[in-house]
Amino acid sequence: MLGNRKPGARGSGKTTLISQDTVVVGDVRFSGNLEVEGLVQGNVIAAPESDGLVRIVGKGCVEGEIRAPNIVVNGVVKGDVHCSRQLELAPKGRVTGNVFYVLVEMSAGAEVNGSLTHVAEEGAAELSAKAARADGGPRGKVD
C-alpha cells in the first residue's frame, strides 16, 4: 500500500530536497531521489538509465512535466507525468495534465484531470531517452 517502502520503487543514490518556501525556476535534472516540498516552475527529469524517484509531498508543487522511473504524488502537479516504472497517486495527490504510466497505484481521494494512458515498459524507457536527447542534455543540473 501507499507509504510502504517497496524495493522496486526506491531510487538509488543521494537525496535532493526542495524544501517548503523554496522556489526553483527552471528545469531540474537529477539522479537518485528528489523530494519536492516547495515549488518547481519547470520540468523535473531523471537522468537517463537511472533508478530515480520523485516524491511531491505536502504542499509541494511542480508546474511542468515530470519524467522519471518512479514517482509518488501527494501534492500538486500541473503538467504531464511520464513514469517508466511505478507511479503512486496518494490521497492528497492532484495532477492537472496527462499521465503516461507502466504501473499505477491510485488511492481514494487522488485526482487526475487529464488522461491516463498505459504504455509498454520498453516504450516508456525509449520515450524518456528521446526526451533527454531532444532537450539537449543537462544544463542546470541539480544532484
N, C-alpha and C. Protein backbone atom coordinates (compact mmCIF):
# COMPACT_ATOMS: atom_id res chain seq x y z
N MET A 1 0.84 -1.18 0.00
CA MET A 1 0.00 0.00 0.00
C MET A 1 0.88 1.24 0.00
N LEU A 2 0.28 2.36 -0.23
CA LEU A 2 0.97 3.62 -0.32
C LEU A 2 1.71 3.93 0.98
N GLY A 3 2.89 4.48 0.86
CA GLY A 3 3.66 4.84 2.04
C GLY A 3 4.62 3.74 2.44
N ASN A 4 4.34 2.50 2.06
CA ASN A 4 5.27 1.42 2.34
C ASN A 4 6.43 1.53 1.39
N ARG A 5 7.63 1.39 1.91
CA ARG A 5 8.79 1.45 1.04
C ARG A 5 8.91 0.12 0.31
N LYS A 6 8.89 0.18 -1.01
CA LYS A 6 8.98 -1.01 -1.84
C LYS A 6 10.35 -1.01 -2.48
N PRO A 7 11.05 -2.15 -2.47
CA PRO A 7 12.39 -2.19 -3.03
C PRO A 7 12.45 -1.70 -4.47
N GLY A 8 11.46 -2.01 -5.31
CA GLY A 8 11.49 -1.60 -6.70
C GLY A 8 11.12 -0.15 -6.91
N ALA A 9 10.53 0.49 -5.89
CA ALA A 9 10.05 1.87 -6.04
C ALA A 9 10.95 2.86 -5.32
N ARG A 10 12.15 2.51 -5.09
CA ARG A 10 13.07 3.37 -4.35
C ARG A 10 14.22 3.75 -5.26
N GLY A 11 14.50 5.03 -5.35
CA GLY A 11 15.63 5.48 -6.14
C GLY A 11 16.93 5.15 -5.44
N SER A 12 17.98 5.04 -6.21
CA SER A 12 19.27 4.77 -5.61
C SER A 12 20.08 6.06 -5.55
N GLY A 13 21.02 6.10 -4.66
CA GLY A 13 21.90 7.26 -4.58
C GLY A 13 21.44 8.30 -3.59
N LYS A 14 21.85 9.53 -3.84
CA LYS A 14 21.62 10.63 -2.91
C LYS A 14 20.22 11.20 -3.03
N THR A 15 19.83 11.96 -2.00
CA THR A 15 18.53 12.61 -1.98
C THR A 15 18.70 14.10 -2.07
N THR A 16 17.94 14.72 -2.96
CA THR A 16 17.89 16.17 -3.08
C THR A 16 16.54 16.62 -2.55
N LEU A 17 16.55 17.64 -1.70
CA LEU A 17 15.32 18.15 -1.09
C LEU A 17 15.08 19.58 -1.55
N ILE A 18 13.89 19.82 -2.07
CA ILE A 18 13.44 21.18 -2.35
C ILE A 18 12.42 21.46 -1.26
N SER A 19 12.85 22.19 -0.25
CA SER A 19 12.06 22.35 0.97
C SER A 19 10.94 23.37 0.81
N GLN A 20 10.03 23.35 1.79
CA GLN A 20 8.94 24.31 1.81
C GLN A 20 9.49 25.72 1.72
N ASP A 21 8.75 26.62 1.12
CA ASP A 21 9.15 28.02 0.95
C ASP A 21 10.34 28.21 0.01
N THR A 22 10.70 27.14 -0.73
CA THR A 22 11.75 27.24 -1.74
C THR A 22 11.10 27.19 -3.10
N VAL A 23 11.53 28.10 -4.00
CA VAL A 23 11.01 28.13 -5.37
C VAL A 23 12.19 27.92 -6.31
N VAL A 24 12.09 26.91 -7.17
CA VAL A 24 13.09 26.66 -8.19
C VAL A 24 12.46 27.02 -9.52
N VAL A 25 13.11 27.95 -10.25
CA VAL A 25 12.62 28.36 -11.57
C VAL A 25 13.57 27.79 -12.59
N GLY A 26 13.07 26.88 -13.41
CA GLY A 26 13.89 26.21 -14.42
C GLY A 26 13.81 24.71 -14.24
N ASP A 27 14.37 23.99 -15.21
CA ASP A 27 14.32 22.53 -15.18
C ASP A 27 15.24 21.98 -14.11
N VAL A 28 14.80 20.87 -13.51
CA VAL A 28 15.61 20.16 -12.51
C VAL A 28 15.93 18.79 -13.08
N ARG A 29 17.22 18.51 -13.24
CA ARG A 29 17.69 17.20 -13.70
C ARG A 29 18.39 16.56 -12.51
N PHE A 30 18.06 15.30 -12.25
CA PHE A 30 18.58 14.66 -11.05
C PHE A 30 18.81 13.18 -11.26
N SER A 31 19.55 12.59 -10.34
CA SER A 31 19.65 11.14 -10.21
C SER A 31 19.46 10.84 -8.73
N GLY A 32 19.08 9.64 -8.40
CA GLY A 32 18.80 9.32 -7.01
C GLY A 32 17.37 9.68 -6.66
N ASN A 33 17.18 10.34 -5.52
CA ASN A 33 15.86 10.71 -5.04
C ASN A 33 15.70 12.22 -5.06
N LEU A 34 14.51 12.68 -5.41
CA LEU A 34 14.18 14.10 -5.36
C LEU A 34 12.90 14.26 -4.56
N GLU A 35 12.97 14.98 -3.45
CA GLU A 35 11.82 15.25 -2.60
C GLU A 35 11.41 16.70 -2.82
N VAL A 36 10.16 16.93 -3.25
CA VAL A 36 9.69 18.28 -3.52
C VAL A 36 8.62 18.64 -2.48
N GLU A 37 8.99 19.57 -1.61
CA GLU A 37 8.05 20.11 -0.63
C GLU A 37 7.74 21.57 -0.93
N GLY A 38 8.52 22.16 -1.84
CA GLY A 38 8.34 23.55 -2.26
C GLY A 38 7.73 23.61 -3.64
N LEU A 39 8.17 24.59 -4.44
CA LEU A 39 7.62 24.81 -5.77
C LEU A 39 8.72 24.71 -6.82
N VAL A 40 8.46 23.92 -7.86
CA VAL A 40 9.35 23.85 -9.02
C VAL A 40 8.56 24.37 -10.21
N GLN A 41 9.05 25.46 -10.81
CA GLN A 41 8.44 26.03 -12.01
C GLN A 41 9.32 25.65 -13.18
N GLY A 42 9.13 24.45 -13.66
CA GLY A 42 9.94 23.90 -14.74
C GLY A 42 9.77 22.39 -14.76
N ASN A 43 10.46 21.75 -15.67
CA ASN A 43 10.36 20.30 -15.80
C ASN A 43 11.27 19.60 -14.81
N VAL A 44 10.85 18.40 -14.39
CA VAL A 44 11.65 17.56 -13.49
C VAL A 44 11.97 16.30 -14.28
N ILE A 45 13.28 16.05 -14.49
CA ILE A 45 13.70 14.97 -15.36
C ILE A 45 14.79 14.14 -14.69
N ALA A 46 14.53 12.84 -14.56
CA ALA A 46 15.53 11.92 -14.01
C ALA A 46 16.59 11.63 -15.07
N ALA A 47 17.81 11.41 -14.62
CA ALA A 47 18.90 11.08 -15.53
C ALA A 47 18.56 9.80 -16.29
N PRO A 48 18.89 9.77 -17.60
CA PRO A 48 18.62 8.56 -18.38
C PRO A 48 19.31 7.35 -17.74
N GLU A 49 18.66 6.21 -17.80
CA GLU A 49 19.19 4.96 -17.26
C GLU A 49 19.32 4.98 -15.74
N SER A 50 18.69 5.94 -15.06
CA SER A 50 18.77 5.98 -13.60
C SER A 50 17.56 5.27 -13.00
N ASP A 51 17.62 5.07 -11.70
CA ASP A 51 16.51 4.46 -10.96
C ASP A 51 15.86 5.56 -10.12
N GLY A 52 15.73 6.76 -10.69
CA GLY A 52 15.29 7.94 -9.97
C GLY A 52 13.90 7.84 -9.39
N LEU A 53 13.72 8.49 -8.25
CA LEU A 53 12.44 8.56 -7.56
C LEU A 53 12.12 10.02 -7.27
N VAL A 54 10.95 10.47 -7.72
CA VAL A 54 10.47 11.82 -7.43
C VAL A 54 9.31 11.68 -6.46
N ARG A 55 9.33 12.45 -5.38
CA ARG A 55 8.21 12.48 -4.44
C ARG A 55 7.77 13.92 -4.28
N ILE A 56 6.51 14.19 -4.61
CA ILE A 56 5.92 15.50 -4.38
C ILE A 56 5.02 15.33 -3.17
N VAL A 57 5.36 16.00 -2.08
CA VAL A 57 4.66 15.76 -0.82
C VAL A 57 4.17 17.06 -0.19
N GLY A 58 3.22 16.93 0.72
CA GLY A 58 2.71 18.08 1.46
C GLY A 58 2.19 19.16 0.55
N LYS A 59 2.75 20.34 0.68
CA LYS A 59 2.35 21.47 -0.16
C LYS A 59 3.24 21.58 -1.39
N GLY A 60 3.97 20.53 -1.70
CA GLY A 60 4.86 20.51 -2.86
C GLY A 60 4.08 20.65 -4.15
N CYS A 61 4.69 21.36 -5.13
CA CYS A 61 4.03 21.60 -6.40
C CYS A 61 5.07 21.64 -7.51
N VAL A 62 4.76 20.97 -8.62
CA VAL A 62 5.57 21.04 -9.82
C VAL A 62 4.70 21.62 -10.92
N GLU A 63 5.14 22.74 -11.49
CA GLU A 63 4.46 23.37 -12.62
C GLU A 63 5.29 23.09 -13.86
N GLY A 64 5.13 21.90 -14.40
CA GLY A 64 5.90 21.46 -15.55
C GLY A 64 5.76 19.96 -15.68
N GLU A 65 6.48 19.42 -16.63
CA GLU A 65 6.43 18.00 -16.92
C GLU A 65 7.34 17.23 -15.98
N ILE A 66 6.94 16.01 -15.61
CA ILE A 66 7.80 15.13 -14.81
C ILE A 66 8.09 13.89 -15.63
N ARG A 67 9.37 13.51 -15.71
CA ARG A 67 9.80 12.28 -16.39
C ARG A 67 10.76 11.55 -15.47
N ALA A 68 10.29 10.40 -14.95
CA ALA A 68 11.13 9.62 -14.04
C ALA A 68 10.63 8.18 -13.99
N PRO A 69 11.49 7.25 -13.58
CA PRO A 69 11.06 5.86 -13.47
C PRO A 69 10.04 5.65 -12.36
N ASN A 70 10.24 6.29 -11.21
CA ASN A 70 9.38 6.10 -10.05
C ASN A 70 8.91 7.47 -9.55
N ILE A 71 7.59 7.59 -9.37
CA ILE A 71 7.03 8.87 -8.96
C ILE A 71 5.95 8.63 -7.91
N VAL A 72 5.98 9.46 -6.85
CA VAL A 72 4.93 9.46 -5.84
C VAL A 72 4.38 10.88 -5.79
N VAL A 73 3.07 11.02 -5.98
CA VAL A 73 2.43 12.34 -5.95
C VAL A 73 1.48 12.40 -4.76
N ASN A 74 1.82 13.24 -3.80
CA ASN A 74 0.93 13.52 -2.68
C ASN A 74 0.88 15.04 -2.49
N GLY A 75 1.06 15.74 -3.58
CA GLY A 75 1.00 17.19 -3.66
C GLY A 75 0.34 17.53 -4.99
N VAL A 76 0.84 18.56 -5.67
CA VAL A 76 0.21 19.05 -6.89
C VAL A 76 1.19 19.00 -8.06
N VAL A 77 0.70 18.52 -9.20
CA VAL A 77 1.46 18.55 -10.45
C VAL A 77 0.58 19.22 -11.49
N LYS A 78 1.12 20.28 -12.11
CA LYS A 78 0.42 20.98 -13.19
C LYS A 78 1.24 20.78 -14.46
N GLY A 79 1.04 19.64 -15.08
CA GLY A 79 1.77 19.27 -16.27
C GLY A 79 1.68 17.77 -16.47
N ASP A 80 2.21 17.30 -17.58
CA ASP A 80 2.16 15.87 -17.88
C ASP A 80 3.14 15.09 -17.01
N VAL A 81 2.77 13.84 -16.72
CA VAL A 81 3.59 12.94 -15.92
C VAL A 81 3.92 11.73 -16.77
N HIS A 82 5.22 11.44 -16.93
CA HIS A 82 5.69 10.28 -17.69
C HIS A 82 6.47 9.40 -16.72
N CYS A 83 5.91 8.24 -16.41
CA CYS A 83 6.52 7.34 -15.43
C CYS A 83 6.84 6.00 -16.09
N SER A 84 8.12 5.64 -16.13
CA SER A 84 8.53 4.43 -16.85
C SER A 84 8.54 3.18 -15.98
N ARG A 85 8.23 3.30 -14.69
CA ARG A 85 8.13 2.11 -13.83
C ARG A 85 6.87 2.17 -12.99
N GLN A 86 6.94 2.83 -11.84
CA GLN A 86 5.82 2.80 -10.90
C GLN A 86 5.41 4.20 -10.48
N LEU A 87 4.11 4.47 -10.60
CA LEU A 87 3.53 5.75 -10.21
C LEU A 87 2.55 5.50 -9.07
N GLU A 88 2.70 6.27 -7.99
CA GLU A 88 1.77 6.20 -6.87
C GLU A 88 1.07 7.56 -6.74
N LEU A 89 -0.24 7.54 -6.80
CA LEU A 89 -1.05 8.74 -6.59
C LEU A 89 -1.68 8.60 -5.21
N ALA A 90 -1.18 9.36 -4.26
CA ALA A 90 -1.61 9.29 -2.87
C ALA A 90 -2.91 10.07 -2.67
N PRO A 91 -3.55 9.95 -1.51
CA PRO A 91 -4.86 10.57 -1.28
C PRO A 91 -4.91 12.08 -1.53
N LYS A 92 -3.82 12.81 -1.28
CA LYS A 92 -3.83 14.25 -1.50
C LYS A 92 -3.17 14.63 -2.83
N GLY A 93 -2.89 13.65 -3.66
CA GLY A 93 -2.25 13.89 -4.94
C GLY A 93 -3.21 14.49 -5.96
N ARG A 94 -2.76 15.53 -6.65
CA ARG A 94 -3.56 16.20 -7.68
C ARG A 94 -2.70 16.38 -8.92
N VAL A 95 -3.14 15.85 -10.05
CA VAL A 95 -2.43 16.02 -11.32
C VAL A 95 -3.38 16.69 -12.29
N THR A 96 -2.94 17.84 -12.84
CA THR A 96 -3.67 18.50 -13.91
C THR A 96 -2.80 18.36 -15.15
N GLY A 97 -3.09 17.34 -15.92
CA GLY A 97 -2.29 17.02 -17.09
C GLY A 97 -2.47 15.55 -17.41
N ASN A 98 -1.84 15.12 -18.47
CA ASN A 98 -1.94 13.73 -18.90
C ASN A 98 -0.92 12.88 -18.18
N VAL A 99 -1.29 11.64 -17.89
CA VAL A 99 -0.43 10.72 -17.16
C VAL A 99 -0.13 9.51 -18.04
N PHE A 100 1.15 9.23 -18.23
CA PHE A 100 1.62 8.08 -19.00
C PHE A 100 2.36 7.17 -18.03
N TYR A 101 1.92 5.93 -17.90
CA TYR A 101 2.44 5.06 -16.85
C TYR A 101 2.60 3.63 -17.35
N VAL A 102 3.44 2.87 -16.65
CA VAL A 102 3.58 1.43 -16.85
C VAL A 102 2.77 0.72 -15.76
N LEU A 103 2.93 1.16 -14.52
CA LEU A 103 2.21 0.60 -13.38
C LEU A 103 1.74 1.77 -12.52
N VAL A 104 0.46 1.79 -12.15
CA VAL A 104 -0.08 2.89 -11.36
C VAL A 104 -0.82 2.34 -10.15
N GLU A 105 -0.67 3.03 -9.03
CA GLU A 105 -1.42 2.75 -7.81
C GLU A 105 -2.09 4.05 -7.41
N MET A 106 -3.42 4.05 -7.35
CA MET A 106 -4.16 5.28 -7.08
C MET A 106 -5.02 5.09 -5.84
N SER A 107 -4.79 5.92 -4.84
CA SER A 107 -5.55 5.86 -3.59
C SER A 107 -6.84 6.66 -3.70
N ALA A 108 -7.81 6.31 -2.87
CA ALA A 108 -9.05 7.07 -2.80
C ALA A 108 -8.73 8.51 -2.43
N GLY A 109 -9.31 9.44 -3.16
CA GLY A 109 -9.06 10.86 -2.92
C GLY A 109 -8.10 11.48 -3.90
N ALA A 110 -7.26 10.66 -4.56
CA ALA A 110 -6.33 11.19 -5.57
C ALA A 110 -7.14 11.68 -6.76
N GLU A 111 -6.57 12.65 -7.48
CA GLU A 111 -7.31 13.28 -8.57
C GLU A 111 -6.41 13.45 -9.78
N VAL A 112 -6.93 13.06 -10.95
CA VAL A 112 -6.23 13.28 -12.22
C VAL A 112 -7.19 14.01 -13.15
N ASN A 113 -6.83 15.21 -13.54
CA ASN A 113 -7.61 15.99 -14.50
C ASN A 113 -6.87 15.97 -15.83
N GLY A 114 -7.08 14.91 -16.57
CA GLY A 114 -6.40 14.66 -17.82
C GLY A 114 -6.58 13.19 -18.14
N SER A 115 -5.84 12.69 -19.11
CA SER A 115 -6.00 11.29 -19.49
C SER A 115 -4.98 10.42 -18.77
N LEU A 116 -5.34 9.17 -18.57
CA LEU A 116 -4.44 8.14 -18.06
C LEU A 116 -4.15 7.20 -19.22
N THR A 117 -2.88 7.07 -19.58
CA THR A 117 -2.51 6.24 -20.72
C THR A 117 -1.47 5.22 -20.30
N HIS A 118 -1.81 3.94 -20.49
CA HIS A 118 -0.84 2.88 -20.20
C HIS A 118 0.13 2.76 -21.37
N VAL A 119 1.42 2.64 -21.05
CA VAL A 119 2.44 2.45 -22.08
C VAL A 119 3.25 1.20 -21.73
N ALA A 120 3.76 0.54 -22.75
CA ALA A 120 4.60 -0.63 -22.51
C ALA A 120 5.91 -0.17 -21.87
N GLU A 121 6.47 -1.00 -21.03
CA GLU A 121 7.71 -0.64 -20.31
C GLU A 121 8.83 -0.25 -21.27
N GLU A 122 8.98 -1.00 -22.37
CA GLU A 122 10.04 -0.69 -23.33
C GLU A 122 9.80 0.67 -23.97
N GLY A 123 8.55 0.97 -24.29
CA GLY A 123 8.22 2.25 -24.91
C GLY A 123 8.46 3.42 -23.98
N ALA A 124 8.19 3.24 -22.69
CA ALA A 124 8.38 4.31 -21.72
C ALA A 124 9.85 4.66 -21.58
N ALA A 125 10.71 3.66 -21.52
CA ALA A 125 12.15 3.92 -21.40
C ALA A 125 12.68 4.61 -22.65
N GLU A 126 12.19 4.18 -23.81
CA GLU A 126 12.63 4.78 -25.07
C GLU A 126 12.20 6.24 -25.17
N LEU A 127 10.97 6.55 -24.76
CA LEU A 127 10.49 7.93 -24.79
C LEU A 127 11.29 8.82 -23.86
N SER A 128 11.65 8.31 -22.68
CA SER A 128 12.44 9.09 -21.73
C SER A 128 13.81 9.42 -22.31
N ALA A 129 14.43 8.44 -22.95
CA ALA A 129 15.74 8.66 -23.54
C ALA A 129 15.66 9.68 -24.68
N LYS A 130 14.62 9.58 -25.52
CA LYS A 130 14.45 10.53 -26.61
C LYS A 130 14.23 11.95 -26.08
N ALA A 131 13.44 12.07 -25.03
CA ALA A 131 13.17 13.39 -24.46
C ALA A 131 14.44 14.02 -23.92
N ALA A 132 15.28 13.23 -23.28
CA ALA A 132 16.53 13.76 -22.74
C ALA A 132 17.45 14.22 -23.85
N ARG A 133 17.52 13.46 -24.95
CA ARG A 133 18.38 13.85 -26.07
C ARG A 133 17.82 15.08 -26.79
N ALA A 134 16.51 15.14 -26.98
CA ALA A 134 15.89 16.25 -27.69
C ALA A 134 16.02 17.55 -26.93
N ASP A 135 16.12 17.46 -25.62
CA ASP A 135 16.21 18.64 -24.79
C ASP A 135 17.64 19.17 -24.71
N GLY A 136 18.58 18.48 -25.34
CA GLY A 136 19.95 18.99 -25.38
C GLY A 136 20.79 18.54 -24.21
N GLY A 137 20.30 17.62 -23.40
CA GLY A 137 21.09 17.11 -22.30
C GLY A 137 21.10 18.06 -21.12
N PRO A 138 21.95 17.76 -20.14
CA PRO A 138 21.94 18.54 -18.90
C PRO A 138 22.39 19.99 -19.09
N ARG A 139 21.68 20.90 -18.47
CA ARG A 139 22.07 22.32 -18.44
C ARG A 139 22.19 22.71 -16.97
N GLY A 140 21.07 23.04 -16.37
CA GLY A 140 21.05 23.43 -14.95
C GLY A 140 20.85 22.19 -14.13
N LYS A 141 21.87 21.37 -13.98
CA LYS A 141 21.75 20.07 -13.33
C LYS A 141 21.75 20.22 -11.83
N VAL A 142 20.81 19.54 -11.17
CA VAL A 142 20.75 19.52 -9.71
C VAL A 142 20.94 18.09 -9.28
N ASP A 143 21.97 17.80 -8.51
CA ASP A 143 22.23 16.45 -7.99
C ASP A 143 22.09 16.43 -6.50
